[in-house]
Amino acid sequence: MSCLFMFYFGMIMFFMKKKHILMMLMSLEFLSLTMLLLLLNFLVNFMYDLNILVYFIIIMVCEAVMGLCLVTLMVRTHGSDYSKSSLIYSC
């Protein structure tokens, strides 16, 4: 029950923190960790093999690295991680 509360809290934080892209990435990582806990709970309760957790963690790390690379590139090109600043330069 607490994992579902954490998931809903992460979704609320993702939709409320649209000003900074870094905050949006952090809320997405929080959602990924919550999904990892849900998956772990499911696998332990139904006595499945836990090897799939390794693949899920690898995907989470790759997603985090890609997000940080994109934020770094955006800060270098646009000067900040505000989501509105990238829209100004695109027009």
PDB file of N, CA and C in Angstrom:
ATOM      1  N   MET A   1       0.824  -1.195   0.000  1.00  0.00           N
ATOM      2  CA  MET A   1       0.000   0.000   0.000  1.00  0.00           C
ATOM      3  C   MET A   1       0.865   1.255   0.000  1.00  0.00           C
ATOM      4  N   SER A   2       1.974   1.233   0.735  1.00  0.00           N
ATOM      5  CA  SER A   2       2.823   2.419   0.794  1.00  0.00           C
ATOM      6  C   SER A   2       3.545   2.651  -0.533  1.00  0.00           C
ATOM      7  N   CYS A   3       3.808   1.582  -1.298  1.00  0.00           N
ATOM      8  CA  CYS A   3       4.453   1.751  -2.603  1.00  0.00           C
ATOM      9  C   CYS A   3       3.530   2.474  -3.571  1.00  0.00           C
ATOM     10  N   LEU A   4       2.245   2.174  -3.504  1.00  0.00           N
ATOM     11  CA  LEU A   4       1.299   2.882  -4.367  1.00  0.00           C
ATOM     12  C   LEU A   4       1.185   4.351  -3.977  1.00  0.00           C
ATOM     13  N   PHE A   5       1.247   4.630  -2.676  1.00  0.00           N
ATOM     14  CA  PHE A   5       1.234   6.015  -2.225  1.00  0.00           C
ATOM     15  C   PHE A   5       2.480   6.737  -2.731  1.00  0.00           C
ATOM     16  N   MET A   6       3.629   6.072  -2.686  1.00  0.00           N
ATOM     17  CA  MET A   6       4.859   6.669  -3.188  1.00  0.00           C
ATOM     18  C   MET A   6       4.769   6.915  -4.686  1.00  0.00           C
ATOM     19  N   PHE A   7       4.148   6.000  -5.417  1.00  0.00           N
ATOM     20  CA  PHE A   7       3.999   6.168  -6.860  1.00  0.00           C
ATOM     21  C   PHE A   7       3.108   7.366  -7.173  1.00  0.00           C
ATOM     22  N   TYR A   8       1.981   7.493  -6.481  1.00  0.00           N
ATOM     23  CA  TYR A   8       1.098   8.635  -6.709  1.00  0.00           C
ATOM     24  C   TYR A   8       1.767   9.936  -6.306  1.00  0.00           C
ATOM     25  N   PHE A   9       2.532   9.931  -5.226  1.00  0.00           N
ATOM     26  CA  PHE A   9       3.261  11.122  -4.798  1.00  0.00           C
ATOM     27  C   PHE A   9       4.296  11.524  -5.856  1.00  0.00           C
ATOM     28  N   GLY A  10       4.978  10.549  -6.430  1.00  0.00           N
ATOM     29  CA  GLY A  10       5.937  10.833  -7.497  1.00  0.00           C
ATOM     30  C   GLY A  10       5.275  11.401  -8.736  1.00  0.00           C
ATOM     31  N   MET A  11       4.100  10.889  -9.074  1.00  0.00           N
ATOM     32  CA  MET A  11       3.365  11.422 -10.224  1.00  0.00           C
ATOM     33  C   MET A  11       2.935  12.862  -9.972  1.00  0.00           C
ATOM     34  N   ILE A  12       2.471  13.135  -8.776  1.00  0.00           N
ATOM     35  CA  ILE A  12       2.073  14.506  -8.447  1.00  0.00           C
ATOM     36  C   ILE A  12       3.267  15.435  -8.522  1.00  0.00           C
ATOM     37  N   MET A  13       4.402  15.007  -7.991  1.00  0.00           N
ATOM     38  CA  MET A  13       5.609  15.836  -8.041  1.00  0.00           C
ATOM     39  C   MET A  13       6.078  16.053  -9.476  1.00  0.00           C
ATOM     40  N   PHE A  14       5.929  15.046 -10.328  1.00  0.00           N
ATOM     41  CA  PHE A  14       6.339  15.197 -11.725  1.00  0.00           C
ATOM     42  C   PHE A  14       5.492  16.243 -12.427  1.00  0.00           C
ATOM     43  N   PHE A  15       4.196  16.235 -12.176  1.00  0.00           N
ATOM     44  CA  PHE A  15       3.324  17.178 -12.865  1.00  0.00           C
ATOM     45  C   PHE A  15       3.346  18.570 -12.246  1.00  0.00           C
ATOM     46  N   MET A  16       3.790  18.692 -10.996  1.00  0.00           N
ATOM     47  CA  MET A  16       3.827  20.009 -10.367  1.00  0.00           C
ATOM     48  C   MET A  16       5.163  20.721 -10.568  1.00  0.00           C
ATOM     49  N   LYS A  17       6.241  20.007 -10.753  1.00  0.00           N
ATOM     50  CA  LYS A  17       7.576  20.606 -10.870  1.00  0.00           C
ATOM     51  C   LYS A  17       8.004  20.687 -12.332  1.00  0.00           C
ATOM     52  N   LYS A  18       7.290  21.451 -13.115  1.00  0.00           N
ATOM     53  CA  LYS A  18       7.621  21.572 -14.531  1.00  0.00           C
ATOM     54  C   LYS A  18       8.541  22.743 -14.835  1.00  0.00           C
ATOM     55  N   LYS A  19       8.967  23.474 -13.816  1.00  0.00           N
ATOM     56  CA  LYS A  19       9.810  24.640 -14.052  1.00  0.00           C
ATOM     57  C   LYS A  19      11.241  24.237 -14.383  1.00  0.00           C
ATOM     58  N   HIS A  20      11.804  23.330 -13.617  1.00  0.00           N
ATOM     59  CA  HIS A  20      13.174  22.869 -13.828  1.00  0.00           C
ATOM     60  C   HIS A  20      13.149  21.452 -14.383  1.00  0.00           C
ATOM     61  N   ILE A  21      13.930  21.224 -15.406  1.00  0.00           N
ATOM     62  CA  ILE A  21      13.985  19.893 -16.008  1.00  0.00           C
ATOM     63  C   ILE A  21      14.697  18.920 -15.076  1.00  0.00           C
ATOM     64  N   LEU A  22      15.663  19.402 -14.289  1.00  0.00           N
ATOM     65  CA  LEU A  22      16.354  18.529 -13.350  1.00  0.00           C
ATOM     66  C   LEU A  22      15.406  18.000 -12.277  1.00  0.00           C
ATOM     67  N   MET A  23      14.488  18.826 -11.814  1.00  0.00           N
ATOM     68  CA  MET A  23      13.495  18.364 -10.832  1.00  0.00           C
ATOM     69  C   MET A  23      12.555  17.334 -11.451  1.00  0.00           C
ATOM     70  N   MET A  24      12.221  17.514 -12.721  1.00  0.00           N
ATOM     71  CA  MET A  24      11.390  16.525 -13.403  1.00  0.00           C
ATOM     72  C   MET A  24      12.126  15.193 -13.522  1.00  0.00           C
ATOM     73  N   LEU A  25      13.429  15.250 -13.811  1.00  0.00           N
ATOM     74  CA  LEU A  25      14.214  14.014 -13.888  1.00  0.00           C
ATOM     75  C   LEU A  25      14.311  13.324 -12.539  1.00  0.00           C
ATOM     76  N   MET A  26      14.446  14.108 -11.478  1.00  0.00           N
ATOM     77  CA  MET A  26      14.515  13.506 -10.147  1.00  0.00           C
ATOM     78  C   MET A  26      13.200  12.838  -9.773  1.00  0.00           C
ATOM     79  N   SER A  27      12.084  13.438 -10.151  1.00  0.00           N
ATOM     80  CA  SER A  27      10.799  12.801  -9.856  1.00  0.00           C
ATOM     81  C   SER A  27      10.608  11.551 -10.707  1.00  0.00           C
ATOM     82  N   LEU A  28      11.134  11.541 -11.929  1.00  0.00           N
ATOM     83  CA  LEU A  28      11.078  10.319 -12.740  1.00  0.00           C
ATOM     84  C   LEU A  28      11.934   9.212 -12.135  1.00  0.00           C
ATOM     85  N   GLU A  29      13.074   9.565 -11.569  1.00  0.00           N
ATOM     86  CA  GLU A  29      13.901   8.564 -10.895  1.00  0.00           C
ATOM     87  C   GLU A  29      13.203   8.042  -9.645  1.00  0.00           C
ATOM     88  N   PHE A  30      12.499   8.908  -8.945  1.00  0.00           N
ATOM     89  CA  PHE A  30      11.725   8.463  -7.790  1.00  0.00           C
ATOM     90  C   PHE A  30      10.633   7.482  -8.229  1.00  0.00           C
ATOM     91  N   LEU A  31       9.998   7.758  -9.363  1.00  0.00           N
ATOM     92  CA  LEU A  31       8.997   6.831  -9.896  1.00  0.00           C
ATOM     93  C   LEU A  31       9.637   5.500 -10.289  1.00  0.00           C
ATOM     94  N   SER A  32      10.832   5.557 -10.843  1.00  0.00           N
ATOM     95  CA  SER A  32      11.526   4.313 -11.217  1.00  0.00           C
ATOM     96  C   SER A  32      11.870   3.484  -9.990  1.00  0.00           C
ATOM     97  N   LEU A  33      12.327   4.145  -8.926  1.00  0.00           N
ATOM     98  CA  LEU A  33      12.622   3.407  -7.694  1.00  0.00           C
ATOM     99  C   LEU A  33      11.361   2.809  -7.087  1.00  0.00           C
ATOM    100  N   THR A  34      10.264   3.529  -7.175  1.00  0.00           N
ATOM    101  CA  THR A  34       9.000   3.000  -6.664  1.00  0.00           C
ATOM    102  C   THR A  34       8.561   1.780  -7.480  1.00  0.00           C
ATOM    103  N   MET A  35       8.726   1.859  -8.796  1.00  0.00           N
ATOM    104  CA  MET A  35       8.382   0.707  -9.623  1.00  0.00           C
ATOM    105  C   MET A  35       9.297  -0.472  -9.332  1.00  0.00           C
ATOM    106  N   LEU A  36      10.565  -0.191  -8.996  1.00  0.00           N
ATOM    107  CA  LEU A  36      11.476  -1.263  -8.601  1.00  0.00           C
ATOM    108  C   LEU A  36      10.994  -1.934  -7.316  1.00  0.00           C
ATOM    109  N   LEU A  37      10.546  -1.143  -6.350  1.00  0.00           N
ATOM    110  CA  LEU A  37      10.015  -1.721  -5.116  1.00  0.00           C
ATOM    111  C   LEU A  37       8.749  -2.530  -5.377  1.00  0.00           C
ATOM    112  N   LEU A  38       7.881  -2.031  -6.246  1.00  0.00           N
ATOM    113  CA  LEU A  38       6.665  -2.785  -6.593  1.00  0.00           C
ATOM    114  C   LEU A  38       7.012  -4.105  -7.275  1.00  0.00           C
ATOM    115  N   LEU A  39       7.986  -4.060  -8.189  1.00  0.00           N
ATOM    116  CA  LEU A  39       8.406  -5.274  -8.877  1.00  0.00           C
ATOM    117  C   LEU A  39       9.042  -6.261  -7.911  1.00  0.00           C
ATOM    118  N   LEU A  40       9.860  -5.770  -6.988  1.00  0.00           N
ATOM    119  CA  LEU A  40      10.472  -6.632  -5.984  1.00  0.00           C
ATOM    120  C   LEU A  40       9.412  -7.271  -5.097  1.00  0.00           C
ATOM    121  N   ASN A  41       8.439  -6.491  -4.691  1.00  0.00           N
ATOM    122  CA  ASN A  41       7.345  -7.014  -3.868  1.00  0.00           C
ATOM    123  C   ASN A  41       6.564  -8.103  -4.611  1.00  0.00           C
ATOM    124  N   PHE A  42       6.290  -7.864  -5.874  1.00  0.00           N
ATOM    125  CA  PHE A  42       5.561  -8.839  -6.680  1.00  0.00           C
ATOM    126  C   PHE A  42       6.361 -10.129  -6.844  1.00  0.00           C
ATOM    127  N   LEU A  43       7.655  -9.995  -7.148  1.00  0.00           N
ATOM    128  CA  LEU A  43       8.471 -11.183  -7.384  1.00  0.00           C
ATOM    129  C   LEU A  43       8.674 -12.002  -6.122  1.00  0.00           C
ATOM    130  N   VAL A  44       8.796 -11.346  -4.985  1.00  0.00           N
ATOM    131  CA  VAL A  44       8.985 -12.070  -3.728  1.00  0.00           C
ATOM    132  C   VAL A  44       7.693 -12.761  -3.311  1.00  0.00           C
ATOM    133  N   ASN A  45       6.560 -12.085  -3.476  1.00  0.00           N
ATOM    134  CA  ASN A  45       5.285 -12.671  -3.066  1.00  0.00           C
ATOM    135  C   ASN A  45       4.914 -13.901  -3.884  1.00  0.00           C
ATOM    136  N   PHE A  46       5.220 -13.890  -5.166  1.00  0.00           N
ATOM    137  CA  PHE A  46       4.851 -15.014  -6.018  1.00  0.00           C
ATOM    138  C   PHE A  46       6.018 -15.957  -6.291  1.00  0.00           C
ATOM    139  N   MET A  47       7.124 -15.778  -5.569  1.00  0.00           N
ATOM    140  CA  MET A  47       8.283 -16.652  -5.602  1.00  0.00           C
ATOM    141  C   MET A  47       8.856 -16.850  -7.012  1.00  0.00           C
ATOM    142  N   TYR A  48       9.001 -15.739  -7.725  1.00  0.00           N
ATOM    143  CA  TYR A  48       9.630 -15.774  -9.037  1.00  0.00           C
ATOM    144  C   TYR A  48      11.129 -15.547  -8.884  1.00  0.00           C
ATOM    145  N   ASP A  49      11.841 -15.746  -9.990  1.00  0.00           N
ATOM    146  CA  ASP A  49      13.282 -15.528  -9.988  1.00  0.00           C
ATOM    147  C   ASP A  49      13.572 -14.023  -9.960  1.00  0.00           C
ATOM    148  N   LEU A  50      14.561 -13.619  -9.197  1.00  0.00           N
ATOM    149  CA  LEU A  50      14.854 -12.201  -9.008  1.00  0.00           C
ATOM    150  C   LEU A  50      15.875 -11.662 -10.006  1.00  0.00           C
ATOM    151  N   ASN A  51      16.236 -12.428 -11.022  1.00  0.00           N
ATOM    152  CA  ASN A  51      17.221 -11.966 -12.002  1.00  0.00           C
ATOM    153  C   ASN A  51      16.704 -10.807 -12.840  1.00  0.00           C
ATOM    154  N   ILE A  52      15.417 -10.697 -12.995  1.00  0.00           N
ATOM    155  CA  ILE A  52      14.859  -9.609 -13.795  1.00  0.00           C
ATOM    156  C   ILE A  52      15.111  -8.253 -13.152  1.00  0.00           C
ATOM    157  N   LEU A  53      15.340  -8.237 -11.843  1.00  0.00           N
ATOM    158  CA  LEU A  53      15.636  -6.981 -11.155  1.00  0.00           C
ATOM    159  C   LEU A  53      16.944  -6.371 -11.647  1.00  0.00           C
ATOM    160  N   VAL A  54      17.908  -7.211 -11.983  1.00  0.00           N
ATOM    161  CA  VAL A  54      19.187  -6.713 -12.492  1.00  0.00           C
ATOM    162  C   VAL A  54      18.975  -5.980 -13.811  1.00  0.00           C
ATOM    163  N   TYR A  55      18.159  -6.552 -14.689  1.00  0.00           N
ATOM    164  CA  TYR A  55      17.871  -5.898 -15.965  1.00  0.00           C
ATOM    165  C   TYR A  55      17.119  -4.586 -15.763  1.00  0.00           C
ATOM    166  N   PHE A  56      16.200  -4.571 -14.835  1.00  0.00           N
ATOM    167  CA  PHE A  56      15.437  -3.361 -14.557  1.00  0.00           C
ATOM    168  C   PHE A  56      16.347  -2.271 -13.994  1.00  0.00           C
ATOM    169  N   ILE A  57      17.281  -2.637 -13.130  1.00  0.00           N
ATOM    170  CA  ILE A  57      18.208  -1.656 -12.575  1.00  0.00           C
ATOM    171  C   ILE A  57      19.142  -1.120 -13.661  1.00  0.00           C
ATOM    172  N   ILE A  58      19.559  -1.974 -14.584  1.00  0.00           N
ATOM    173  CA  ILE A  58      20.406  -1.528 -15.697  1.00  0.00           C
ATOM    174  C   ILE A  58      19.658  -0.522 -16.551  1.00  0.00           C
ATOM    175  N   ILE A  59      18.399  -0.783 -16.834  1.00  0.00           N
ATOM    176  CA  ILE A  59      17.596   0.157 -17.622  1.00  0.00           C
ATOM    177  C   ILE A  59      17.416   1.471 -16.874  1.00  0.00           C
ATOM    178  N   MET A  60      17.228   1.401 -15.553  1.00  0.00           N
ATOM    179  CA  MET A  60      17.088   2.628 -14.757  1.00  0.00           C
ATOM    180  C   MET A  60      18.359   3.468 -14.805  1.00  0.00           C
ATOM    181  N   VAL A  61      19.515   2.822 -14.717  1.00  0.00           N
ATOM    182  CA  VAL A  61      20.781   3.555 -14.749  1.00  0.00           C
ATOM    183  C   VAL A  61      21.006   4.190 -16.118  1.00  0.00           C
ATOM    184  N   CYS A  62      20.703   3.450 -17.173  1.00  0.00           N
ATOM    185  CA  CYS A  62      20.862   4.007 -18.518  1.00  0.00           C
ATOM    186  C   CYS A  62      19.933   5.199 -18.730  1.00  0.00           C
ATOM    187  N   GLU A  63      18.725   5.114 -18.215  1.00  0.00           N
ATOM    188  CA  GLU A  63      17.776   6.227 -18.341  1.00  0.00           C
ATOM    189  C   GLU A  63      18.267   7.443 -17.565  1.00  0.00           C
ATOM    190  N   ALA A  64      18.826   7.230 -16.392  1.00  0.00           N
ATOM    191  CA  ALA A  64      19.326   8.347 -15.583  1.00  0.00           C
ATOM    192  C   ALA A  64      20.524   9.014 -16.248  1.00  0.00           C
ATOM    193  N   VAL A  65      21.423   8.218 -16.801  1.00  0.00           N
ATOM    194  CA  VAL A  65      22.606   8.778 -17.463  1.00  0.00           C
ATOM    195  C   VAL A  65      22.196   9.566 -18.702  1.00  0.00           C
ATOM    196  N   MET A  66      21.253   9.048 -19.466  1.00  0.00           N
ATOM    197  CA  MET A  66      20.806   9.761 -20.655  1.00  0.00           C
ATOM    198  C   MET A  66      20.126  11.079 -20.286  1.00  0.00           C
ATOM    199  N   GLY A  67      19.329  11.075 -19.230  1.00  0.00           N
ATOM    200  CA  GLY A  67      18.676  12.304 -18.787  1.00  0.00           C
ATOM    201  C   GLY A  67      19.668  13.343 -18.320  1.00  0.00           C
ATOM    202  N   LEU A  68      20.682  12.921 -17.548  1.00  0.00           N
ATOM    203  CA  LEU A  68      21.694  13.869 -17.088  1.00  0.00           C
ATOM    204  C   LEU A  68      22.535  14.410 -18.238  1.00  0.00           C
ATOM    205  N   CYS A  69      22.806  13.573 -19.232  1.00  0.00           N
ATOM    206  CA  CYS A  69      23.536  14.061 -20.413  1.00  0.00           C
ATOM    207  C   CYS A  69      22.723  15.115 -21.155  1.00  0.00           C
ATOM    208  N   LEU A  70      21.432  14.880 -21.300  1.00  0.00           N
ATOM    209  CA  LEU A  70      20.588  15.857 -21.987  1.00  0.00           C
ATOM    210  C   LEU A  70      20.469  17.159 -21.208  1.00  0.00           C
ATOM    211  N   VAL A  71      20.376  17.066 -19.886  1.00  0.00           N
ATOM    212  CA  VAL A  71      20.322  18.286 -19.076  1.00  0.00           C
ATOM    213  C   VAL A  71      21.638  19.042 -19.171  1.00  0.00           C
ATOM    214  N   THR A  72      22.767  18.334 -19.159  1.00  0.00           N
ATOM    215  CA  THR A  72      24.065  18.985 -19.292  1.00  0.00           C
ATOM    216  C   THR A  72      24.192  19.693 -20.629  1.00  0.00           C
ATOM    217  N   LEU A  73      23.776  19.039 -21.689  1.00  0.00           N
ATOM    218  CA  LEU A  73      23.818  19.670 -23.009  1.00  0.00           C
ATOM    219  C   LEU A  73      22.899  20.882 -23.081  1.00  0.00           C
ATOM    220  N   MET A  74      21.739  20.785 -22.458  1.00  0.00           N
ATOM    221  CA  MET A  74      20.806  21.905 -22.483  1.00  0.00           C
ATOM    222  C   MET A  74      21.345  23.085 -21.700  1.00  0.00           C
ATOM    223  N   VAL A  75      21.978  22.818 -20.561  1.00  0.00           N
ATOM    224  CA  VAL A  75      22.566  23.906 -19.770  1.00  0.00           C
ATOM    225  C   VAL A  75      23.712  24.558 -20.534  1.00  0.00           C
ATOM    226  N   ARG A  76      24.489  23.776 -21.240  1.00  0.00           N
ATOM    227  CA  ARG A  76      25.598  24.350 -22.006  1.00  0.00           C
ATOM    228  C   ARG A  76      25.113  25.168 -23.198  1.00  0.00           C
ATOM    229  N   THR A  77      24.030  24.754 -23.828  1.00  0.00           N
ATOM    230  CA  THR A  77      23.559  25.490 -25.008  1.00  0.00           C
ATOM    231  C   THR A  77      22.628  26.635 -24.645  1.00  0.00           C
ATOM    232  N   HIS A  78      21.731  26.434 -23.681  1.00  0.00           N
ATOM    233  CA  HIS A  78      20.728  27.452 -23.356  1.00  0.00           C
ATOM    234  C   HIS A  78      21.063  28.257 -22.108  1.00  0.00           C
ATOM    235  N   GLY A  79      21.960  27.791 -21.270  1.00  0.00           N
ATOM    236  CA  GLY A  79      22.367  28.547 -20.107  1.00  0.00           C
ATOM    237  C   GLY A  79      21.648  28.202 -18.821  1.00  0.00           C
ATOM    238  N   SER A  80      20.557  27.467 -18.877  1.00  0.00           N
ATOM    239  CA  SER A  80      19.849  27.081 -17.658  1.00  0.00           C
ATOM    240  C   SER A  80      19.034  25.824 -17.942  1.00  0.00           C
ATOM    241  N   ASP A  81      18.457  25.268 -16.871  1.00  0.00           N
ATOM    242  CA  ASP A  81      17.627  24.078 -17.049  1.00  0.00           C
ATOM    243  C   ASP A  81      16.144  24.398 -16.918  1.00  0.00           C
ATOM    244  N   TYR A  82      15.795  25.654 -17.093  1.00  0.00           N
ATOM    245  CA  TYR A  82      14.379  26.013 -17.096  1.00  0.00           C
ATOM    246  C   TYR A  82      13.718  25.447 -18.340  1.00  0.00           C
ATOM    247  N   SER A  83      12.555  24.887 -18.173  1.00  0.00           N
ATOM    248  CA  SER A  83      11.879  24.291 -19.315  1.00  0.00           C
ATOM    249  C   SER A  83      11.350  25.361 -20.258  1.00  0.00           C
ATOM    250  N   LYS A  84      11.088  26.559 -19.766  1.00  0.00           N
ATOM    251  CA  LYS A  84      10.574  27.628 -20.620  1.00  0.00           C
ATOM    252  C   LYS A  84      11.673  28.242 -21.481  1.00  0.00           C
ATOM    253  N   SER A  85      12.938  28.176 -21.037  1.00  0.00           N
ATOM    254  CA  SER A  85      14.016  28.804 -21.804  1.00  0.00           C
ATOM    255  C   SER A  85      14.279  28.059 -23.119  1.00  0.00           C
ATOM    256  N   SER A  86      14.043  26.769 -23.146  1.00  0.00           N
ATOM    257  CA  SER A  86      14.260  26.037 -24.388  1.00  0.00           C
ATOM    258  C   SER A  86      13.164  26.341 -25.404  1.00  0.00           C
ATOM    259  N   LEU A  87      11.988  26.697 -24.941  1.00  0.00           N
ATOM    260  CA  LEU A  87      10.909  27.046 -25.865  1.00  0.00           C
ATOM    261  C   LEU A  87      11.147  28.407 -26.513  1.00  0.00           C
ATOM    262  N   ILE A  88      11.802  29.313 -25.822  1.00  0.00           N
ATOM    263  CA  ILE A  88      12.082  30.635 -26.362  1.00  0.00           C
ATOM    264  C   ILE A  88      13.054  30.541 -27.532  1.00  0.00           C
ATOM    265  N   TYR A  89      14.085  29.698 -27.393  1.00  0.00           N
ATOM    266  CA  TYR A  89      15.088  29.584 -28.426  1.00  0.00           C
ATOM    267  C   TYR A  89      14.606  28.805 -29.645  1.00  0.00           C
ATOM    268  N   SER A  90      13.589  28.012 -29.499  1.00  0.00           N
ATOM    269  CA  SER A  90      13.123  27.201 -30.616  1.00  0.00           C
ATOM    270  C   SER A  90      12.272  27.997 -31.589  1.00  0.00           C
ATOM    271  N   CYS A  91      11.734  29.138 -31.190  1.00  0.00           N
ATOM    272  CA  CYS A  91      10.864  29.926 -32.079  1.00  0.00           C
ATOM    273  C   CYS A  91      11.620  30.747 -33.067  1.00  0.00           C
TER     274      CYS A  91
END
